[in-house]
N, C-alpha and C. Protein backbone atom coordinates (compact mmCIF):
# COMPACT_ATOMS: atom_id res chain seq x y z
N MET A 1 198.78 -47.73 115.66
CA MET A 1 198.04 -46.43 116.16
C MET A 1 196.66 -46.72 116.53
N SER A 2 196.43 -45.71 117.22
CA SER A 2 195.02 -45.93 117.67
C SER A 2 194.21 -45.20 116.73
N ARG A 3 193.03 -45.53 116.71
CA ARG A 3 191.85 -44.67 115.93
C ARG A 3 190.76 -43.90 116.76
N LYS A 4 190.68 -42.73 116.66
CA LYS A 4 189.95 -41.98 117.40
C LYS A 4 188.51 -42.50 117.49
N SER A 5 188.04 -42.30 118.74
CA SER A 5 186.31 -43.01 118.49
C SER A 5 185.55 -41.87 117.98
N ILE A 6 184.59 -42.36 117.56
CA ILE A 6 183.70 -41.46 116.58
C ILE A 6 182.61 -41.18 117.71
N ILE A 7 182.43 -41.83 118.67
CA ILE A 7 181.17 -42.21 119.81
C ILE A 7 181.52 -41.22 120.87
N PRO A 8 180.94 -40.42 121.12
CA PRO A 8 181.17 -39.34 122.37
C PRO A 8 181.08 -40.07 123.72
N PRO A 9 182.34 -40.03 124.53
CA PRO A 9 182.24 -40.40 126.02
C PRO A 9 181.12 -40.23 126.66
N SER A 10 180.79 -41.09 127.86
CA SER A 10 179.72 -41.34 128.54
C SER A 10 180.07 -40.00 129.38
N PRO A 11 178.90 -39.20 129.99
CA PRO A 11 179.00 -37.88 130.64
C PRO A 11 179.62 -38.21 131.80
N SER A 12 180.61 -37.23 132.47
CA SER A 12 181.03 -37.19 133.76
C SER A 12 179.97 -37.01 134.68
N ALA A 13 180.22 -37.11 135.84
CA ALA A 13 179.47 -37.08 137.16
C ALA A 13 179.16 -35.47 137.20
N GLU A 14 180.09 -34.55 136.74
CA GLU A 14 180.10 -33.22 136.90
C GLU A 14 178.81 -32.78 135.83
N ALA A 15 178.94 -33.43 134.61
CA ALA A 15 178.35 -33.46 133.42
C ALA A 15 176.62 -33.64 133.80
N TYR A 16 176.44 -34.83 134.61
CA TYR A 16 175.36 -35.26 134.91
C TYR A 16 174.43 -34.29 135.95
N LYS A 17 175.38 -34.00 136.77
CA LYS A 17 174.86 -32.80 137.73
C LYS A 17 174.59 -31.57 137.28
N ALA A 18 174.65 -31.20 135.63
CA ALA A 18 174.69 -30.03 135.11
C ALA A 18 173.37 -30.03 134.44
N ASP A 19 173.19 -31.42 134.41
CA ASP A 19 171.53 -31.36 133.94
C ASP A 19 170.32 -30.87 134.29
N GLU A 20 169.43 -30.14 133.36
CA GLU A 20 168.57 -29.60 134.11
C GLU A 20 167.49 -30.18 134.99
N ASP A 21 167.30 -30.11 135.84
CA ASP A 21 165.68 -30.28 136.88
C ASP A 21 164.52 -30.30 136.14
N GLN A 22 163.86 -30.90 135.50
CA GLN A 22 162.80 -30.20 134.86
C GLN A 22 161.54 -30.61 135.96
N GLY A 23 161.66 -30.81 137.36
CA GLY A 23 160.70 -31.14 138.20
C GLY A 23 159.74 -32.43 137.46
N GLU A 24 158.57 -32.16 138.13
CA GLU A 24 157.50 -33.00 137.63
C GLU A 24 157.00 -32.60 136.60
N VAL A 25 156.84 -33.59 135.38
CA VAL A 25 156.36 -33.47 134.51
C VAL A 25 155.18 -34.14 133.86
N PHE A 26 154.61 -35.09 134.87
CA PHE A 26 153.49 -35.91 134.41
C PHE A 26 152.30 -35.23 135.01
N THR A 27 152.14 -34.17 134.42
CA THR A 27 150.88 -33.18 135.13
C THR A 27 149.87 -33.59 134.86
N ARG A 28 149.41 -34.47 133.85
CA ARG A 28 148.19 -34.91 133.47
C ARG A 28 147.58 -36.60 133.71
N GLU A 29 146.31 -36.83 133.80
CA GLU A 29 146.01 -37.95 134.02
C GLU A 29 145.60 -38.59 132.43
N ASP A 30 145.42 -37.98 131.49
CA ASP A 30 145.07 -38.32 130.20
C ASP A 30 145.94 -38.32 129.88
N PRO A 31 146.33 -39.18 128.64
CA PRO A 31 147.81 -39.29 127.82
C PRO A 31 147.84 -38.46 126.70
N LEU A 32 146.56 -38.18 126.20
CA LEU A 32 146.69 -37.46 124.89
C LEU A 32 146.80 -36.12 125.21
N THR A 33 145.74 -35.54 126.60
CA THR A 33 146.17 -34.21 126.63
C THR A 33 147.86 -33.97 127.41
N LEU A 34 148.45 -34.69 127.84
CA LEU A 34 149.81 -34.96 128.38
C LEU A 34 150.69 -34.64 127.06
N PHE A 35 150.17 -35.43 125.83
CA PHE A 35 151.09 -35.26 125.00
C PHE A 35 150.92 -33.61 124.24
N ALA A 36 149.55 -33.35 124.11
CA ALA A 36 149.52 -31.96 123.66
C ALA A 36 150.01 -30.82 124.52
N ASP A 37 150.23 -31.36 125.86
CA ASP A 37 151.08 -30.17 126.49
C ASP A 37 152.67 -30.25 126.08
N TRP A 38 153.30 -31.43 125.69
CA TRP A 38 154.36 -31.56 125.44
C TRP A 38 154.59 -31.15 124.56
N PHE A 39 153.95 -31.27 123.62
CA PHE A 39 154.12 -30.50 122.24
C PHE A 39 153.71 -29.47 121.76
N GLU A 40 153.35 -28.69 122.62
CA GLU A 40 153.49 -27.35 122.35
C GLU A 40 154.54 -26.63 122.82
N LEU A 41 155.16 -27.24 124.02
CA LEU A 41 156.48 -26.69 124.62
C LEU A 41 157.65 -27.25 123.45
N ALA A 42 157.29 -28.64 123.14
CA ALA A 42 158.52 -28.92 121.77
C ALA A 42 158.46 -27.70 121.02
N LYS A 43 157.04 -27.36 120.29
CA LYS A 43 157.07 -26.46 119.49
C LYS A 43 158.16 -25.04 119.50
N LYS A 44 157.98 -24.75 120.72
CA LYS A 44 158.40 -23.37 120.97
C LYS A 44 160.07 -23.64 121.00
N LYS A 45 160.96 -24.84 121.51
CA LYS A 45 161.84 -25.25 121.64
C LYS A 45 162.82 -25.70 120.56
N GLU A 46 162.14 -26.27 119.88
CA GLU A 46 162.36 -27.56 119.07
C GLU A 46 163.08 -26.80 117.73
N PRO A 47 164.31 -26.92 117.46
CA PRO A 47 164.72 -25.93 116.15
C PRO A 47 163.95 -26.13 115.05
N ASN A 48 163.94 -27.42 115.04
CA ASN A 48 162.97 -27.81 113.27
C ASN A 48 162.33 -28.77 113.93
N ASP A 49 160.92 -28.82 113.03
CA ASP A 49 159.90 -30.31 112.58
C ASP A 49 159.54 -30.69 114.33
N ALA A 50 159.02 -30.20 114.84
CA ALA A 50 158.59 -30.90 115.99
C ALA A 50 157.71 -31.77 115.83
N ASN A 51 157.13 -31.95 114.57
CA ASN A 51 155.98 -32.80 114.32
C ASN A 51 156.57 -33.77 114.15
N ALA A 52 158.14 -34.43 113.68
CA ALA A 52 159.08 -35.32 113.06
C ALA A 52 159.07 -36.60 114.15
N MET A 53 158.38 -37.68 113.36
CA MET A 53 158.32 -39.27 114.41
C MET A 53 158.78 -40.27 113.48
N ALA A 54 159.43 -40.75 114.04
CA ALA A 54 159.85 -42.26 113.71
C ALA A 54 158.63 -43.08 113.49
N LEU A 55 158.46 -43.52 112.53
CA LEU A 55 157.45 -44.43 112.06
C LEU A 55 157.85 -45.89 111.67
N ALA A 56 157.66 -46.97 112.66
CA ALA A 56 158.31 -48.21 112.77
C ALA A 56 156.86 -48.94 112.19
N THR A 57 157.24 -50.28 111.31
CA THR A 57 156.24 -51.08 110.66
C THR A 57 157.21 -52.32 110.58
N VAL A 58 156.85 -53.44 109.86
CA VAL A 58 157.36 -54.45 109.45
C VAL A 58 157.02 -54.95 108.02
N ASP A 59 158.03 -55.98 107.50
CA ASP A 59 157.53 -56.08 106.02
C ASP A 59 157.39 -57.40 106.00
N ALA A 60 157.20 -58.19 104.78
CA ALA A 60 156.36 -59.49 104.87
C ALA A 60 157.36 -60.70 105.55
N GLU A 61 158.53 -60.59 105.44
CA GLU A 61 159.18 -61.31 106.56
C GLU A 61 159.48 -61.18 107.96
N GLY A 62 158.98 -60.02 108.44
CA GLY A 62 158.87 -59.72 109.81
C GLY A 62 160.04 -58.58 110.16
N LEU A 63 160.63 -58.28 109.03
CA LEU A 63 161.69 -57.45 109.56
C LEU A 63 161.49 -55.64 109.66
N PRO A 64 161.68 -55.31 110.77
CA PRO A 64 161.31 -54.20 110.85
C PRO A 64 162.18 -52.98 109.98
N ASN A 65 161.16 -51.98 109.57
CA ASN A 65 161.39 -50.70 108.86
C ASN A 65 161.22 -49.38 109.48
N VAL A 66 162.03 -48.70 109.97
CA VAL A 66 161.71 -47.51 110.12
C VAL A 66 162.32 -46.28 109.80
N ARG A 67 161.62 -44.98 109.84
CA ARG A 67 161.87 -43.97 109.02
C ARG A 67 161.09 -42.90 109.54
N MET A 68 161.27 -41.25 109.06
CA MET A 68 160.94 -40.10 109.78
C MET A 68 159.77 -39.81 108.99
N VAL A 69 158.80 -39.40 109.53
CA VAL A 69 157.48 -39.11 109.02
C VAL A 69 156.71 -37.38 109.69
N LEU A 70 155.90 -36.83 109.30
CA LEU A 70 155.56 -35.77 109.87
C LEU A 70 153.91 -36.00 110.22
N LEU A 71 153.88 -35.81 111.77
CA LEU A 71 152.27 -35.75 112.22
C LEU A 71 151.76 -34.64 111.43
N LYS A 72 150.55 -34.99 110.93
CA LYS A 72 149.61 -33.69 110.58
C LYS A 72 148.42 -33.44 111.16
N ASP A 73 147.94 -34.71 112.20
CA ASP A 73 146.78 -34.10 112.70
C ASP A 73 147.12 -34.87 113.89
N ILE A 74 145.99 -34.59 115.23
CA ILE A 74 146.20 -35.61 116.40
C ILE A 74 144.84 -35.40 117.03
N ASP A 75 144.11 -35.89 117.68
CA ASP A 75 142.95 -35.59 118.18
C ASP A 75 142.46 -36.98 118.86
N ALA A 76 141.14 -37.56 119.50
CA ALA A 76 140.91 -38.61 120.17
C ALA A 76 140.77 -39.95 119.36
N ALA A 77 140.85 -39.49 117.78
CA ALA A 77 140.79 -40.65 117.44
C ALA A 77 142.52 -41.18 116.95
N GLY A 78 143.30 -40.00 116.94
CA GLY A 78 144.74 -40.76 116.88
C GLY A 78 145.79 -40.06 116.19
N LEU A 79 146.80 -40.47 115.73
CA LEU A 79 147.75 -39.28 115.23
C LEU A 79 147.65 -39.63 113.54
N THR A 80 147.79 -38.53 112.83
CA THR A 80 147.42 -38.81 111.33
C THR A 80 148.88 -38.26 110.60
N PHE A 81 149.29 -39.17 109.41
CA PHE A 81 150.22 -38.53 108.57
C PHE A 81 150.09 -39.23 107.28
N PHE A 82 150.74 -38.76 106.54
CA PHE A 82 150.27 -38.90 104.78
C PHE A 82 151.15 -39.25 104.26
N THR A 83 151.34 -40.28 103.12
CA THR A 83 152.28 -40.90 102.25
C THR A 83 151.50 -41.32 101.37
N ASN A 84 152.75 -41.81 100.27
CA ASN A 84 152.55 -42.46 99.05
C ASN A 84 151.66 -43.98 99.26
N LEU A 85 150.85 -44.62 99.05
CA LEU A 85 150.38 -45.74 99.38
C LEU A 85 150.97 -46.84 98.67
N ASP A 86 151.99 -46.58 97.53
CA ASP A 86 152.56 -47.64 96.94
C ASP A 86 154.42 -47.63 97.23
N SER A 87 154.56 -46.75 98.53
CA SER A 87 155.54 -46.69 99.46
C SER A 87 156.22 -48.16 100.02
N ALA A 88 157.28 -48.13 100.91
CA ALA A 88 157.28 -49.28 101.25
C ALA A 88 156.56 -49.42 102.72
N LYS A 89 156.27 -48.07 103.39
CA LYS A 89 155.49 -48.08 104.58
C LYS A 89 154.16 -48.03 104.24
N GLY A 90 153.55 -47.96 102.91
CA GLY A 90 152.41 -47.85 102.78
C GLY A 90 151.73 -49.25 102.42
N ARG A 91 152.51 -50.20 101.47
CA ARG A 91 152.48 -51.68 101.76
C ARG A 91 152.59 -52.30 102.76
N GLU A 92 153.35 -51.62 103.55
CA GLU A 92 153.92 -52.81 105.06
C GLU A 92 152.27 -52.28 106.04
N LEU A 93 152.00 -51.25 105.74
CA LEU A 93 150.79 -50.86 106.66
C LEU A 93 149.40 -51.67 106.04
N ALA A 94 149.22 -51.56 104.66
CA ALA A 94 148.17 -52.47 104.03
C ALA A 94 148.09 -53.80 104.34
N ALA A 95 149.69 -54.47 104.25
CA ALA A 95 149.22 -56.12 105.06
C ALA A 95 149.67 -56.12 106.52
N ASN A 96 149.99 -54.93 107.19
CA ASN A 96 149.82 -55.38 108.45
C ASN A 96 149.59 -54.20 109.43
N ALA A 97 148.34 -53.65 109.96
CA ALA A 97 147.58 -52.56 110.11
C ALA A 97 148.28 -52.31 111.68
N LYS A 98 149.77 -52.57 112.04
CA LYS A 98 150.02 -52.23 113.28
C LYS A 98 151.31 -51.13 113.07
N ALA A 99 151.42 -50.49 114.06
CA ALA A 99 152.84 -49.75 113.85
C ALA A 99 153.04 -49.06 115.19
N ALA A 100 154.27 -48.58 115.18
CA ALA A 100 155.04 -47.67 116.29
C ALA A 100 155.18 -46.32 115.72
N LEU A 101 155.21 -45.18 117.13
CA LEU A 101 155.88 -44.07 116.50
C LEU A 101 156.28 -43.67 117.53
N CYS A 102 157.56 -42.97 117.59
CA CYS A 102 158.46 -42.17 118.51
C CYS A 102 159.00 -40.71 118.27
N PHE A 103 158.65 -40.12 118.96
CA PHE A 103 158.67 -38.17 119.16
C PHE A 103 160.13 -38.41 119.71
N HIS A 104 161.05 -37.86 119.67
CA HIS A 104 162.16 -37.62 120.52
C HIS A 104 162.57 -35.88 119.99
N TRP A 105 162.49 -35.13 121.04
CA TRP A 105 162.85 -33.66 121.36
C TRP A 105 163.82 -33.36 122.23
N LYS A 106 165.20 -33.30 121.88
CA LYS A 106 166.57 -33.20 122.27
C LYS A 106 166.63 -31.88 123.04
N SER A 107 165.87 -30.95 122.43
CA SER A 107 165.87 -29.48 123.41
C SER A 107 165.26 -29.64 124.66
N ILE A 108 164.27 -30.62 124.75
CA ILE A 108 163.39 -30.31 126.14
C ILE A 108 163.72 -31.90 126.87
N ARG A 109 164.59 -32.46 126.62
CA ARG A 109 164.57 -33.74 127.10
C ARG A 109 164.01 -35.12 126.88
N ARG A 110 162.92 -34.80 126.42
CA ARG A 110 161.65 -35.91 126.34
C ARG A 110 161.58 -36.65 125.33
N SER A 111 160.71 -37.77 125.34
CA SER A 111 160.52 -38.47 124.03
C SER A 111 159.14 -39.05 124.62
N VAL A 112 158.18 -39.48 123.33
CA VAL A 112 156.86 -40.29 123.55
C VAL A 112 156.81 -41.01 122.65
N ARG A 113 156.36 -42.41 122.88
CA ARG A 113 156.27 -43.23 122.03
C ARG A 113 154.63 -43.99 121.99
N PHE A 114 154.18 -44.55 120.78
CA PHE A 114 152.75 -44.31 120.72
C PHE A 114 153.13 -46.17 120.07
N ARG A 115 152.09 -46.86 120.17
CA ARG A 115 152.20 -48.27 119.54
C ARG A 115 150.61 -48.51 119.31
N GLY A 116 150.06 -48.93 118.29
CA GLY A 116 148.73 -49.36 118.10
C GLY A 116 148.34 -49.86 116.72
N ARG A 117 147.14 -49.73 116.40
CA ARG A 117 146.47 -50.01 115.26
C ARG A 117 146.31 -49.28 114.28
N VAL A 118 146.67 -49.27 112.93
CA VAL A 118 147.07 -48.39 111.76
C VAL A 118 145.60 -48.36 110.87
N ALA A 119 144.61 -47.44 110.52
CA ALA A 119 143.46 -47.47 109.30
C ALA A 119 143.84 -46.43 108.61
N PRO A 120 143.39 -46.57 107.36
CA PRO A 120 143.50 -45.58 106.49
C PRO A 120 142.60 -44.07 106.52
N VAL A 121 142.83 -42.91 106.69
CA VAL A 121 141.93 -41.90 106.60
C VAL A 121 140.88 -41.88 105.64
N THR A 122 140.38 -41.28 105.49
CA THR A 122 138.82 -41.00 104.56
C THR A 122 139.55 -39.95 103.43
N LYS A 123 138.76 -40.25 102.23
CA LYS A 123 139.07 -39.38 100.69
C LYS A 123 138.90 -38.30 101.39
N GLU A 124 137.95 -37.77 101.75
CA GLU A 124 137.89 -36.66 102.19
C GLU A 124 138.72 -35.62 102.98
N GLU A 125 139.19 -36.33 104.16
CA GLU A 125 140.51 -36.23 104.69
C GLU A 125 141.55 -35.79 104.31
N ALA A 126 141.87 -36.94 103.48
CA ALA A 126 143.09 -36.59 102.07
C ALA A 126 143.21 -35.75 101.37
N ASP A 127 141.97 -35.41 100.36
CA ASP A 127 141.63 -34.66 99.62
C ASP A 127 141.95 -33.13 100.43
N ALA A 128 141.53 -33.10 101.71
CA ALA A 128 141.67 -31.63 102.25
C ALA A 128 143.10 -31.43 102.56
N TYR A 129 143.51 -32.20 103.23
CA TYR A 129 145.08 -32.08 103.38
C TYR A 129 145.70 -31.50 102.36
N PHE A 130 145.55 -32.95 101.31
CA PHE A 130 146.47 -32.40 100.09
C PHE A 130 146.21 -31.11 99.11
N ALA A 131 144.90 -30.23 99.49
CA ALA A 131 144.90 -29.04 98.98
C ALA A 131 145.82 -28.35 99.72
N THR A 132 145.87 -28.28 100.87
CA THR A 132 146.94 -27.45 101.50
C THR A 132 148.26 -27.50 101.29
N ARG A 133 148.81 -28.45 100.58
CA ARG A 133 150.09 -28.49 100.11
C ARG A 133 150.64 -27.60 99.17
N ALA A 134 152.05 -27.05 99.00
CA ALA A 134 152.35 -26.29 98.40
C ALA A 134 152.29 -26.94 96.89
N ARG A 135 151.99 -26.31 96.04
CA ARG A 135 151.69 -26.77 94.41
C ARG A 135 153.19 -27.74 94.07
N ALA A 136 154.15 -27.32 94.33
CA ALA A 136 155.44 -28.38 93.76
C ALA A 136 155.28 -29.47 94.76
N SER A 137 154.98 -29.50 95.81
CA SER A 137 154.82 -31.13 96.57
C SER A 137 153.82 -31.75 95.98
N GLN A 138 152.35 -31.20 95.94
CA GLN A 138 151.63 -31.95 94.99
C GLN A 138 152.00 -32.79 93.75
N ILE A 139 152.39 -31.46 92.76
CA ILE A 139 153.34 -32.16 91.63
C ILE A 139 154.22 -33.51 92.18
N GLY A 140 154.85 -33.02 93.00
CA GLY A 140 156.04 -34.30 93.47
C GLY A 140 154.98 -35.31 93.73
N ALA A 141 153.78 -35.46 94.33
CA ALA A 141 153.22 -36.66 94.71
C ALA A 141 153.12 -37.24 93.58
N TRP A 142 152.58 -36.72 92.61
CA TRP A 142 152.39 -37.65 91.14
C TRP A 142 153.64 -37.87 90.54
N ALA A 143 154.97 -37.47 90.56
CA ALA A 143 155.91 -37.59 89.95
C ALA A 143 156.67 -38.68 90.52
N SER A 144 156.61 -38.75 91.91
CA SER A 144 157.85 -40.14 92.54
C SER A 144 157.11 -41.17 92.79
N ALA A 145 157.76 -42.30 92.38
CA ALA A 145 157.29 -43.51 92.44
C ALA A 145 158.42 -44.03 93.85
N GLN A 146 157.46 -43.64 94.87
CA GLN A 146 158.49 -43.24 96.11
C GLN A 146 158.80 -45.32 96.49
N SER A 147 160.03 -45.32 97.20
CA SER A 147 160.57 -46.50 97.29
C SER A 147 160.99 -47.60 96.56
N ARG A 148 160.62 -46.65 95.08
CA ARG A 148 161.42 -47.90 93.89
C ARG A 148 162.41 -47.58 93.55
N PRO A 149 162.93 -48.29 92.72
CA PRO A 149 164.49 -48.19 92.25
C PRO A 149 164.48 -46.97 91.57
N MET A 150 165.60 -46.12 90.83
CA MET A 150 165.45 -44.77 90.32
C MET A 150 166.94 -44.74 89.47
N ALA A 151 166.73 -44.62 88.10
CA ALA A 151 168.25 -44.91 87.54
C ALA A 151 169.03 -43.49 87.90
N GLY A 152 168.51 -42.18 88.24
CA GLY A 152 169.18 -41.18 88.73
C GLY A 152 168.47 -40.13 89.32
N ARG A 153 168.99 -39.03 89.65
CA ARG A 153 168.07 -37.32 89.47
C ARG A 153 167.64 -37.18 88.81
N PHE A 154 168.26 -37.30 87.79
CA PHE A 154 167.35 -36.51 86.36
C PHE A 154 166.16 -37.51 85.83
N ALA A 155 166.35 -38.59 86.12
CA ALA A 155 164.66 -39.39 86.02
C ALA A 155 163.40 -38.70 86.88
N LEU A 156 163.97 -38.51 88.00
CA LEU A 156 162.95 -38.00 89.25
C LEU A 156 162.41 -36.18 88.55
N GLU A 157 163.60 -35.46 88.11
CA GLU A 157 163.71 -34.05 87.36
C GLU A 157 162.29 -34.35 86.07
N LYS A 158 162.84 -35.03 85.47
CA LYS A 158 162.36 -35.14 84.36
C LYS A 158 160.89 -35.64 84.13
N ALA A 159 160.65 -36.42 85.48
CA ALA A 159 158.94 -36.69 85.77
C ALA A 159 158.06 -35.88 86.34
N VAL A 160 158.97 -34.95 87.24
CA VAL A 160 158.48 -33.43 87.71
C VAL A 160 158.13 -32.80 86.50
N ALA A 161 158.77 -32.41 85.75
CA ALA A 161 159.02 -31.54 84.45
C ALA A 161 157.33 -31.79 84.03
N GLY A 162 157.18 -33.45 83.76
CA GLY A 162 156.24 -33.54 82.55
C GLY A 162 154.95 -33.64 83.81
N GLU A 163 155.06 -33.51 84.51
CA GLU A 163 153.85 -33.75 85.38
C GLU A 163 153.30 -32.02 85.69
N ALA A 164 154.33 -31.11 85.88
CA ALA A 164 154.13 -29.85 85.90
C ALA A 164 153.36 -29.74 84.56
N ALA A 165 154.07 -29.80 83.44
CA ALA A 165 153.59 -29.65 82.19
C ALA A 165 152.07 -30.29 81.96
N ARG A 166 151.77 -31.05 82.40
CA ARG A 166 150.45 -32.09 82.39
C ARG A 166 149.36 -31.21 83.11
N PHE A 167 149.79 -30.44 84.25
CA PHE A 167 148.65 -29.67 84.85
C PHE A 167 148.68 -28.49 84.46
N GLY A 168 149.78 -27.85 83.95
CA GLY A 168 149.83 -26.40 83.55
C GLY A 168 149.70 -25.35 84.72
N LEU A 169 148.66 -24.86 84.05
CA LEU A 169 148.12 -23.57 85.69
C LEU A 169 146.82 -24.16 86.24
N GLY A 170 146.32 -25.35 86.19
CA GLY A 170 144.93 -25.93 86.44
C GLY A 170 145.45 -26.59 88.00
N GLN A 171 144.28 -27.22 88.76
CA GLN A 171 144.28 -26.99 89.74
C GLN A 171 145.23 -29.03 89.94
N VAL A 172 145.71 -28.96 90.84
CA VAL A 172 146.52 -30.39 90.72
C VAL A 172 145.93 -31.22 91.88
N PRO A 173 144.95 -32.48 91.40
CA PRO A 173 144.30 -33.19 91.90
C PRO A 173 144.90 -34.01 93.07
N ARG A 174 144.46 -35.00 93.88
CA ARG A 174 145.17 -35.75 94.71
C ARG A 174 145.07 -37.29 93.71
N PRO A 175 146.52 -37.75 94.01
CA PRO A 175 146.53 -38.86 93.27
C PRO A 175 145.92 -39.91 93.63
N ASP A 176 145.34 -41.14 93.61
CA ASP A 176 144.85 -42.25 94.14
C ASP A 176 145.54 -42.81 94.95
N HIS A 177 147.03 -42.74 94.63
CA HIS A 177 148.29 -43.65 95.54
C HIS A 177 148.67 -42.76 96.49
N TRP A 178 147.80 -41.67 96.83
CA TRP A 178 148.52 -40.82 97.96
C TRP A 178 147.38 -40.80 98.88
N SER A 179 147.77 -40.89 100.19
CA SER A 179 146.55 -40.66 101.28
C SER A 179 147.37 -40.72 102.60
N GLY A 180 146.45 -41.22 103.49
CA GLY A 180 147.25 -40.66 104.64
C GLY A 180 146.38 -42.08 105.47
N PHE A 181 147.08 -42.24 107.16
CA PHE A 181 146.95 -43.30 108.05
C PHE A 181 146.56 -42.26 109.20
N ARG A 182 145.76 -43.20 110.10
CA ARG A 182 145.62 -42.76 111.36
C ARG A 182 146.50 -44.04 112.34
N LEU A 183 147.32 -43.62 113.16
CA LEU A 183 147.28 -44.84 114.22
C LEU A 183 146.66 -44.25 115.46
N THR A 184 145.75 -45.56 116.14
CA THR A 184 144.82 -45.61 117.42
C THR A 184 145.50 -45.66 118.04
N PRO A 185 145.80 -45.67 119.32
CA PRO A 185 147.02 -45.44 120.14
C PRO A 185 146.59 -46.84 121.16
N SER A 186 147.28 -47.84 121.28
CA SER A 186 146.71 -48.55 122.90
C SER A 186 147.70 -48.76 124.14
N GLU A 187 148.96 -47.95 123.49
CA GLU A 187 149.98 -47.14 124.52
C GLU A 187 150.70 -46.52 124.28
N ILE A 188 150.64 -45.73 124.84
CA ILE A 188 151.65 -44.33 124.91
C ILE A 188 152.36 -44.40 126.25
N GLU A 189 154.06 -44.36 125.81
CA GLU A 189 154.81 -44.03 126.88
C GLU A 189 155.56 -42.89 127.04
N PHE A 190 155.88 -41.76 128.09
CA PHE A 190 156.59 -40.51 127.94
C PHE A 190 157.85 -40.90 129.18
N TRP A 191 158.91 -40.31 128.15
CA TRP A 191 160.05 -40.55 129.17
C TRP A 191 160.37 -39.05 129.06
N VAL A 192 161.29 -38.94 130.37
CA VAL A 192 161.95 -37.83 130.44
C VAL A 192 163.71 -37.67 131.11
N ASN A 193 164.51 -37.24 130.30
CA ASN A 193 165.79 -37.16 131.06
C ASN A 193 165.89 -36.92 131.95
N ARG A 194 166.83 -37.50 132.71
CA ARG A 194 167.12 -37.32 134.47
C ARG A 194 168.78 -37.78 134.59
N PRO A 195 169.26 -36.69 135.73
CA PRO A 195 170.50 -37.36 135.48
C PRO A 195 170.93 -38.79 136.43
N PHE A 196 172.28 -39.17 135.65
CA PHE A 196 172.96 -40.46 135.95
C PHE A 196 171.92 -41.72 135.26
N ARG A 197 171.25 -41.43 134.19
CA ARG A 197 170.40 -42.30 133.50
C ARG A 197 169.17 -42.84 134.40
N LEU A 198 169.09 -41.96 135.30
CA LEU A 198 167.69 -42.69 136.24
C LEU A 198 166.36 -41.63 135.68
N HIS A 199 166.57 -42.18 134.12
CA HIS A 199 165.08 -41.09 133.60
C HIS A 199 163.72 -41.76 134.37
N ASP A 200 163.02 -40.73 133.74
CA ASP A 200 161.62 -41.05 134.69
C ASP A 200 160.64 -41.75 133.03
N ARG A 201 159.89 -42.70 133.33
CA ARG A 201 158.96 -43.75 132.41
C ARG A 201 157.38 -43.26 132.84
N LEU A 202 156.63 -42.96 132.11
CA LEU A 202 155.36 -43.25 132.58
C LEU A 202 154.82 -43.85 131.17
N GLN A 203 153.93 -44.89 131.53
CA GLN A 203 153.21 -45.85 130.66
C GLN A 203 151.95 -45.66 130.71
N PHE A 204 150.66 -45.48 129.73
CA PHE A 204 149.81 -45.35 129.67
C PHE A 204 149.31 -46.55 128.67
N THR A 205 148.28 -47.52 129.01
CA THR A 205 147.44 -48.30 128.35
C THR A 205 146.17 -48.22 128.29
N ARG A 206 145.78 -48.74 127.18
CA ARG A 206 144.29 -48.28 126.64
C ARG A 206 143.44 -49.54 127.69
N ALA A 207 142.69 -48.99 128.04
CA ALA A 207 141.41 -49.82 129.22
C ALA A 207 140.22 -49.53 128.80
N GLY A 208 139.31 -50.27 127.82
CA GLY A 208 138.37 -49.73 127.62
C GLY A 208 137.88 -48.26 126.83
N ASP A 209 137.27 -47.49 127.59
CA ASP A 209 137.40 -46.02 127.35
C ASP A 209 138.57 -44.89 127.80
N GLY A 210 139.05 -45.90 128.55
CA GLY A 210 140.29 -45.09 129.48
C GLY A 210 141.33 -45.45 129.18
N TRP A 211 142.32 -45.45 130.28
CA TRP A 211 143.45 -45.69 130.17
C TRP A 211 144.13 -46.07 131.63
N THR A 212 144.97 -46.88 131.63
CA THR A 212 145.70 -47.10 133.40
C THR A 212 146.82 -46.60 132.88
N ALA A 213 147.66 -46.42 134.23
CA ALA A 213 148.74 -46.17 134.14
C ALA A 213 150.00 -46.52 135.11
N ARG A 214 151.29 -46.49 134.73
CA ARG A 214 152.07 -47.18 135.33
C ARG A 214 153.23 -46.71 135.08
N ARG A 215 154.24 -46.60 136.25
CA ARG A 215 155.87 -45.88 136.33
C ARG A 215 156.70 -47.40 135.75
N LEU A 216 157.35 -46.89 135.00
CA LEU A 216 158.55 -47.77 134.57
C LEU A 216 159.84 -47.83 135.09
N TYR A 217 160.98 -48.71 135.37
CA TYR A 217 162.07 -48.49 135.96
C TYR A 217 162.49 -47.82 134.60
N PRO A 218 164.07 -46.94 134.67
CA PRO A 218 164.41 -46.92 133.28
C PRO A 218 164.99 -47.83 132.73
């Protein structure tokens, strides 16, 4: 008895022909400006969390780890995200301050990859962002021993209740173990879907204060 495949079949020629022709999308010479344009489009089209990005790090044995995090700021200095510093990603970035990020926006059939060095944000930046979080999220930052073994869901709920009681109605300060990182890209690659897997790829590599660009085969 044959088992039905759970993997979708490769698109037919007719399906490929029906793909939307997006025209020229590499419309900027500066990659951060180009990313900003694409990000604005993604925020209008993507159903949920256009700022979600895959973060790749490596552990002490060189084994990669990847997980989804949320972009919280981007400027000329780089891309910023926040986390528990004692989490797996926090420990791995402290030991090896290099990482990769990937955005994939299915709604607009585009993705962007970043690679570069990572550095902690300042205490002032971490404090400012933490103050904008919902109170329950602030308490959760105190209660969760992120990435470490947990006996069960009740253990987390008990910790949350304990921290909520400790702070009462007062202000919830930022824990010392909770902060952010900024990835300063040395390489940025833009990808756009094209019919028949003949996609477009444009790679920018940092060169001094500027960037060099080159097209890549799909």
